[in-house]
Protein backbone atom coordinates (compact mmCIF):
# COMPACT_ATOMS: atom_id res chain seq x y z
CA MET A 1 -15.39 -1.03 -15.16
CA SER A 2 -15.81 1.49 -12.36
CA ASN A 3 -17.74 4.74 -12.76
CA ARG A 4 -15.32 6.44 -10.35
CA ILE A 5 -12.69 8.69 -11.96
CA TYR A 6 -9.40 9.11 -10.12
CA ALA A 7 -8.67 12.70 -9.04
CA GLY A 8 -11.26 14.03 -11.46
CA LEU A 9 -8.98 13.33 -14.43
CA GLU A 10 -10.15 14.39 -17.86
CA SER A 11 -10.95 11.96 -20.63
CA GLY A 12 -7.88 10.26 -22.07
CA LYS A 13 -6.25 9.79 -18.67
CA ASN A 14 -8.77 7.59 -16.90
CA GLU A 15 -9.78 4.89 -19.41
CA PHE A 16 -8.59 1.31 -19.04
CA GLU A 17 -7.05 1.26 -22.51
CA THR A 18 -4.92 4.39 -22.10
CA ALA A 19 -4.07 4.39 -18.37
CA ARG A 20 -0.67 3.06 -17.28
CA VAL A 21 -1.90 2.50 -13.71
CA LEU A 22 -4.80 0.38 -12.47
CA LEU A 23 -6.35 1.12 -9.08
CA GLN A 24 -8.25 -1.71 -7.39
CA SER A 25 -10.64 -0.97 -4.54
CA VAL A 26 -11.13 -3.77 -2.01
CA PRO A 27 -13.49 -2.35 0.64
CA PHE A 28 -13.35 -5.39 2.92
CA ASP A 29 -13.52 -4.93 6.70
CA GLY A 30 -14.71 -8.37 7.75
CA THR A 31 -11.98 -9.44 10.18
CA SER A 32 -10.98 -6.20 11.93
CA THR A 33 -11.04 -6.69 15.67
CA TRP A 34 -11.25 -3.20 17.12
CA GLY A 35 -11.95 -0.05 15.14
CA LYS A 36 -14.26 -0.53 12.17
CA GLY A 37 -14.68 1.61 9.09
CA ALA A 38 -11.93 0.56 6.69
CA ASP A 39 -14.65 -0.43 4.21
CA GLN A 40 -15.33 3.32 3.89
CA GLY A 41 -11.68 4.15 3.25
CA PHE A 42 -11.71 4.15 -0.53
CA GLU A 43 -14.53 6.66 -0.85
CA ALA A 44 -12.79 9.00 1.60
CA PHE A 45 -9.53 8.54 -0.31
CA CYS A 46 -11.25 9.36 -3.61
CA ASP A 47 -12.93 12.46 -2.20
CA ALA A 48 -9.58 13.72 -0.90
CA SER A 49 -7.88 12.87 -4.21
CA ASP A 50 -10.48 14.92 -6.07
CA ASN A 51 -9.45 17.97 -4.04
CA MET A 52 -5.65 17.77 -4.06
CA GLU A 53 -3.28 19.70 -6.30
CA ILE A 54 -2.02 17.41 -9.07
CA TYR A 55 1.37 19.10 -9.52
CA ASP A 56 4.04 17.48 -7.33
CA ILE A 57 6.61 20.03 -6.16
CA GLU A 58 9.25 17.53 -5.04
CA THR A 59 9.55 15.73 -8.38
CA ASP A 60 8.51 18.72 -10.51
CA SER A 61 5.97 16.52 -12.27
CA GLU A 62 2.28 15.84 -12.77
CA PRO A 63 1.93 12.11 -12.13
CA TYR A 64 -1.67 12.01 -13.36
CA LEU A 65 -0.30 12.28 -16.92
CA ILE A 66 0.55 8.57 -16.89
CA GLY A 67 -3.16 7.81 -16.46
CA VAL A 68 -4.98 6.01 -13.66
CA HIS A 69 -8.00 3.79 -14.18
CA ILE A 70 -10.18 2.63 -11.29
CA LEU A 71 -11.29 -0.98 -11.66
CA ASP A 72 -14.58 -2.37 -10.42
CA GLU A 73 -14.32 -3.01 -6.70
CA ILE A 74 -13.94 -6.46 -5.22
CA ALA A 75 -17.46 -6.67 -3.88
CA GLU A 76 -17.18 -9.44 -1.26
CA ARG A 77 -17.79 -7.82 2.15
CA LYS A 78 -18.27 -10.73 4.58
CA ASP A 79 -16.32 -13.91 3.77
CA ALA A 80 -12.53 -13.45 4.10
CA GLN A 81 -11.67 -16.54 2.07
CA LYS A 82 -13.94 -15.52 -0.80
CA MET A 83 -12.42 -12.03 -0.72
CA PHE A 84 -8.93 -13.54 -0.81
CA GLN A 85 -9.81 -15.71 -3.81
CA ALA A 86 -11.37 -12.80 -5.68
CA THR A 87 -8.42 -10.45 -5.11
CA TYR A 88 -5.95 -13.21 -5.99
CA GLU A 89 -7.66 -14.13 -9.26
CA THR A 90 -8.29 -10.51 -10.27
CA THR A 91 -4.66 -9.58 -9.60
CA GLN A 92 -3.44 -12.56 -11.63
CA LYS A 93 -5.60 -11.40 -14.53
CA MET A 94 -4.56 -7.76 -14.29
CA LEU A 95 -0.84 -8.60 -14.07
CA LYS A 96 -1.13 -10.03 -17.59
CA THR A 97 -2.02 -6.56 -18.90
CA GLY A 98 1.48 -5.27 -18.13
CA LYS A 99 0.02 -2.23 -16.39
CA PHE A 100 1.21 -1.01 -12.98
CA LEU A 101 -1.14 -2.40 -10.33
CA THR A 102 -2.17 -0.54 -7.18
CA ALA A 103 -4.84 -1.34 -4.61
CA PHE A 104 -6.62 0.42 -1.77
CA GLY A 105 -8.34 -1.24 1.21
CA GLY A 106 -10.15 -2.15 3.23
CA GLU A 107 -8.30 -3.78 6.05
CA HIS A 108 -4.89 -5.41 5.66
CA SER A 109 -6.25 -8.86 4.86
CA ILE A 110 -6.91 -7.59 1.33
CA SER A 111 -3.17 -7.73 0.64
CA ILE A 112 -2.77 -11.50 1.07
CA GLY A 113 -4.14 -12.52 -2.31
CA ILE A 114 -2.60 -9.52 -4.10
CA ILE A 115 0.86 -10.29 -2.74
CA LYS A 116 0.52 -14.00 -3.60
CA ALA A 117 -0.27 -13.16 -7.23
CA HIS A 118 2.73 -10.83 -7.35
CA TYR A 119 5.30 -13.23 -5.89
CA GLU A 120 4.08 -15.91 -8.29
CA HIS A 121 4.43 -13.49 -11.21
CA PHE A 122 7.73 -11.82 -10.31
CA GLU A 123 10.70 -14.03 -9.56
CA ASN A 124 12.62 -13.44 -6.32
CA LEU A 125 10.25 -10.75 -5.05
CA THR A 126 10.83 -8.56 -2.02
CA VAL A 127 7.72 -7.55 -0.08
CA LEU A 128 8.27 -4.30 1.79
CA GLN A 129 5.73 -4.02 4.59
CA MET A 130 5.38 -0.61 6.23
CA ASP A 131 3.22 -1.14 9.28
CA ALA A 132 2.85 -0.78 13.03
CA HIS A 133 2.11 -4.50 13.40
CA THR A 134 4.00 -7.61 12.34
CA ASP A 135 0.85 -9.35 11.00
CA LEU A 136 2.63 -12.73 11.08
CA ARG A 137 0.02 -14.99 12.64
CA PRO A 138 -0.49 -18.17 10.57
CA GLU A 139 -4.18 -17.82 11.37
CA TYR A 140 -6.35 -15.74 13.67
CA HIS A 141 -9.95 -16.22 14.78
CA GLY A 142 -10.12 -19.41 12.74
CA THR A 143 -8.88 -18.12 9.38
CA PRO A 144 -5.52 -17.53 7.64
CA TYR A 145 -7.15 -14.62 5.81
CA ASN A 146 -7.43 -12.37 8.86
CA HIS A 147 -5.86 -8.91 8.91
CA ALA A 148 -3.49 -10.19 11.63
CA CYS A 149 -2.14 -12.71 9.07
CA ALA A 150 -1.51 -10.16 6.31
CA VAL A 151 2.12 -11.03 5.57
CA TYR A 152 2.51 -14.53 7.03
CA ASP A 153 2.26 -16.11 3.59
CA ALA A 154 4.67 -13.52 2.18
CA SER A 155 7.17 -14.32 4.94
CA LYS A 156 7.30 -17.93 3.72
CA ASN A 157 7.31 -17.26 -0.03
CA ALA A 158 9.04 -13.90 -0.58
CA ASN A 159 11.81 -11.73 0.86
CA LEU A 160 9.83 -9.89 3.54
CA ILE A 161 11.23 -6.66 5.00
CA GLN A 162 9.22 -4.97 7.76
CA VAL A 163 9.51 -1.27 8.63
CA GLY A 164 7.88 0.77 11.39
CA ILE A 165 6.92 -2.19 13.57
CA ARG A 166 6.01 -1.43 17.17
CA SER A 167 3.32 -3.94 18.13
CA MET A 168 3.12 -7.74 18.00
CA ASP A 169 1.98 -10.86 19.78
CA VAL A 170 4.55 -13.13 21.44
CA SER A 171 3.40 -16.01 19.23
CA GLU A 172 4.70 -14.15 16.17
CA LYS A 173 8.31 -14.18 17.35
CA GLU A 174 8.97 -17.58 15.83
CA HIS A 175 7.97 -16.24 12.39
CA LEU A 176 9.95 -13.00 12.68
CA ASP A 177 13.25 -12.54 10.85
CA TYR A 178 14.89 -10.00 13.16
CA ASN A 179 17.54 -9.31 10.52
CA LYS A 180 14.86 -7.85 8.26
CA VAL A 181 12.73 -5.97 10.79
CA TYR A 182 13.18 -2.26 11.45
CA PHE A 183 11.39 -1.48 14.68
CA ALA A 184 10.07 2.06 14.97
CA GLU A 185 12.00 2.77 18.16
CA ASN A 186 15.30 2.10 16.38
CA ILE A 187 14.78 4.23 13.27
CA MET A 188 13.38 7.50 14.54
CA ASP A 189 16.55 9.57 14.95
CA ASN A 190 18.66 8.33 12.05
CA ASP A 191 18.49 7.27 8.42
CA TYR A 192 21.38 4.80 8.17
CA TRP A 193 18.85 1.99 8.41
CA MET A 194 17.39 3.01 5.05
CA GLU A 195 20.52 2.03 3.13
CA GLU A 196 20.80 -1.17 5.14
CA ALA A 197 17.21 -2.10 4.30
CA LEU A 198 17.76 -1.31 0.62
CA GLY A 199 20.77 -3.60 0.63
CA LYS A 200 18.56 -6.49 1.75
CA MET A 201 16.03 -6.02 -1.06
CA THR A 202 16.00 -7.93 -4.33
CA ASP A 203 15.53 -6.05 -7.60
CA ASN A 204 11.73 -6.39 -7.73
CA VAL A 205 9.82 -4.92 -4.78
CA TYR A 206 6.13 -4.94 -3.86
CA ILE A 207 5.08 -2.43 -1.18
CA THR A 208 2.20 -3.03 1.22
CA PHE A 209 1.57 0.11 3.25
CA ASP A 210 -0.62 -0.02 6.34
CA LEU A 211 -1.44 3.56 7.25
CA ASP A 212 -0.92 2.82 10.95
CA CYS A 213 2.79 2.87 10.07
CA PHE A 214 2.38 6.61 10.56
CA ASP A 215 2.31 7.96 14.08
CA SER A 216 -1.21 8.17 15.48
CA SER A 217 -0.83 11.93 15.95
CA ILE A 218 -1.03 12.41 12.18
CA MET A 219 -2.89 9.21 11.28
CA PRO A 220 -5.52 8.47 13.94
CA SER A 221 -8.02 7.13 11.37
CA THR A 222 -7.02 3.46 11.44
CA GLY A 223 -8.43 0.36 13.10
CA THR A 224 -5.62 0.24 15.68
CA PRO A 225 -3.72 3.55 15.85
CA GLU A 226 -0.39 2.93 17.58
CA PRO A 227 1.77 5.64 19.21
CA GLY A 228 5.43 5.98 18.30
CA GLY A 229 5.12 5.72 14.53
CA MET A 230 6.81 7.28 11.53
CA TYR A 231 6.24 10.77 10.22
CA TRP A 232 5.55 12.14 6.75
CA TYR A 233 8.99 13.20 5.53
CA GLN A 234 10.80 10.19 6.96
CA VAL A 235 8.39 7.90 5.12
CA LEU A 236 8.79 9.86 1.88
CA ASP A 237 12.59 9.86 2.16
CA PHE A 238 12.63 6.09 2.44
CA LEU A 239 10.03 5.47 -0.26
CA ARG A 240 11.79 7.68 -2.79
CA ARG A 241 15.03 5.78 -2.23
CA VAL A 242 13.20 2.49 -2.78
CA PHE A 243 11.54 3.66 -5.99
CA ARG A 244 14.79 5.12 -7.34
CA ARG A 245 16.95 2.09 -6.62
CA LYS A 246 14.54 -0.79 -7.09
CA ASN A 247 11.88 -1.88 -9.57
CA VAL A 248 8.67 -1.39 -7.60
CA VAL A 249 6.20 -3.70 -9.31
CA GLY A 250 3.05 -2.67 -7.43
CA PHE A 251 1.72 -1.46 -4.10
CA ASP A 252 -1.31 -1.31 -1.86
CA ILE A 253 -2.44 1.10 0.86
CA VAL A 254 -4.74 -0.20 3.59
CA GLU A 255 -6.52 0.49 6.88
CA LEU A 256 -7.94 3.99 6.35
CA ALA A 257 -10.99 4.15 8.63
CA PRO A 258 -12.21 7.70 8.00
CA ASN A 259 -13.45 10.01 10.74
CA PRO A 260 -16.07 12.49 9.46
CA HIS A 261 -14.85 15.05 12.01
CA ASN A 262 -11.21 14.92 10.88
CA PRO A 263 -10.58 14.72 7.11
CA ALA A 264 -6.81 15.30 7.39
CA PRO A 265 -5.89 11.56 7.50
CA ASN A 266 -7.90 11.01 4.30
CA PHE A 267 -5.73 13.62 2.64
CA ILE A 268 -2.56 11.94 3.90
CA ALA A 269 -3.70 8.72 2.23
CA ALA A 270 -4.48 10.54 -1.01
CA LYS A 271 -1.14 12.38 -1.04
CA LEU A 272 0.78 9.21 -0.16
CA TYR A 273 -0.74 7.37 -3.12
CA TYR A 274 0.04 10.28 -5.45
CA LYS A 275 3.59 10.58 -4.11
CA MET A 276 4.20 6.90 -4.78
CA LEU A 277 3.05 7.37 -8.37
CA ALA A 278 5.33 10.41 -8.64
CA TYR A 279 8.31 8.36 -7.48
CA LYS A 280 7.46 5.39 -9.71
CA PHE A 281 7.19 7.44 -12.90
CA GLU A 282 9.57 10.29 -12.03
CA ASN A 283 12.15 9.62 -14.75
CA GLU A 284 9.57 8.82 -17.38
CA LEU A 285 7.64 12.04 -16.69
CA LYS A 286 10.81 14.12 -16.82
CA ASN A 287 11.91 12.55 -20.10
CA SER A 288 8.47 13.22 -21.55
CA GLU A 289 8.69 16.88 -20.56
CA ASP A 290 12.17 17.15 -22.07
CA HIS A 291 10.80 16.05 -25.44
CA ASP A 292 7.75 18.33 -25.39
């Protein structure tokens, strides 16, 4: 298992046996087509996590108490198909533990195998993709395991809902379900879409979060930072509703390409991950405090 310890947690909170949450690093950046560096994302995320406050004001909880264990990374760095197979098989194995699975990229291609294992494990699964790009190409540059193909397989085998989209290729239109896409330009000045999107989700939801969903003014450290994206509190508002109303069965965060001259995006990634844990275990943490 990994020597990395999430957020500097003390003994008893970071071991595989006692942790409720598993964190899988997949530092693959083999198919990115413009900005490189997503293979460095996990280390930057960990460094930021080590330096954040572990009390969450919004939920009045300390999510670290549920325990987070970092698994050995998926080591394949070059071959996209081999990376896919490794993440798929590892996720299948880890799902049998009954623990809550989370993953951190790497580029968005790392999600393909993880999502496949989840929709095979959980019946009638919704995949919630928060992203600037549709990522619906059946294949790109000769492989179906490209980052531009991240949710094509999910679109054919799960209930795919896409939020924050503002960039796509014309060839992807035929694979797009416009009834389940929330384009960024249509959701910026209102929140009615959130309830509509929730109404289209099944009970079990897997979240794949590409950090370029955020506006490039606050998240420039991605492979393809797109203008016109979502902002921090809008994202949190939506995510908390999802976690409260649905059974989120796992999530991944991808596409952090750190800039050594601007650590703020690394901290956004770290806080986003911690917020999602806070929302997932909010009721459980509160009940635990009530009985202390």
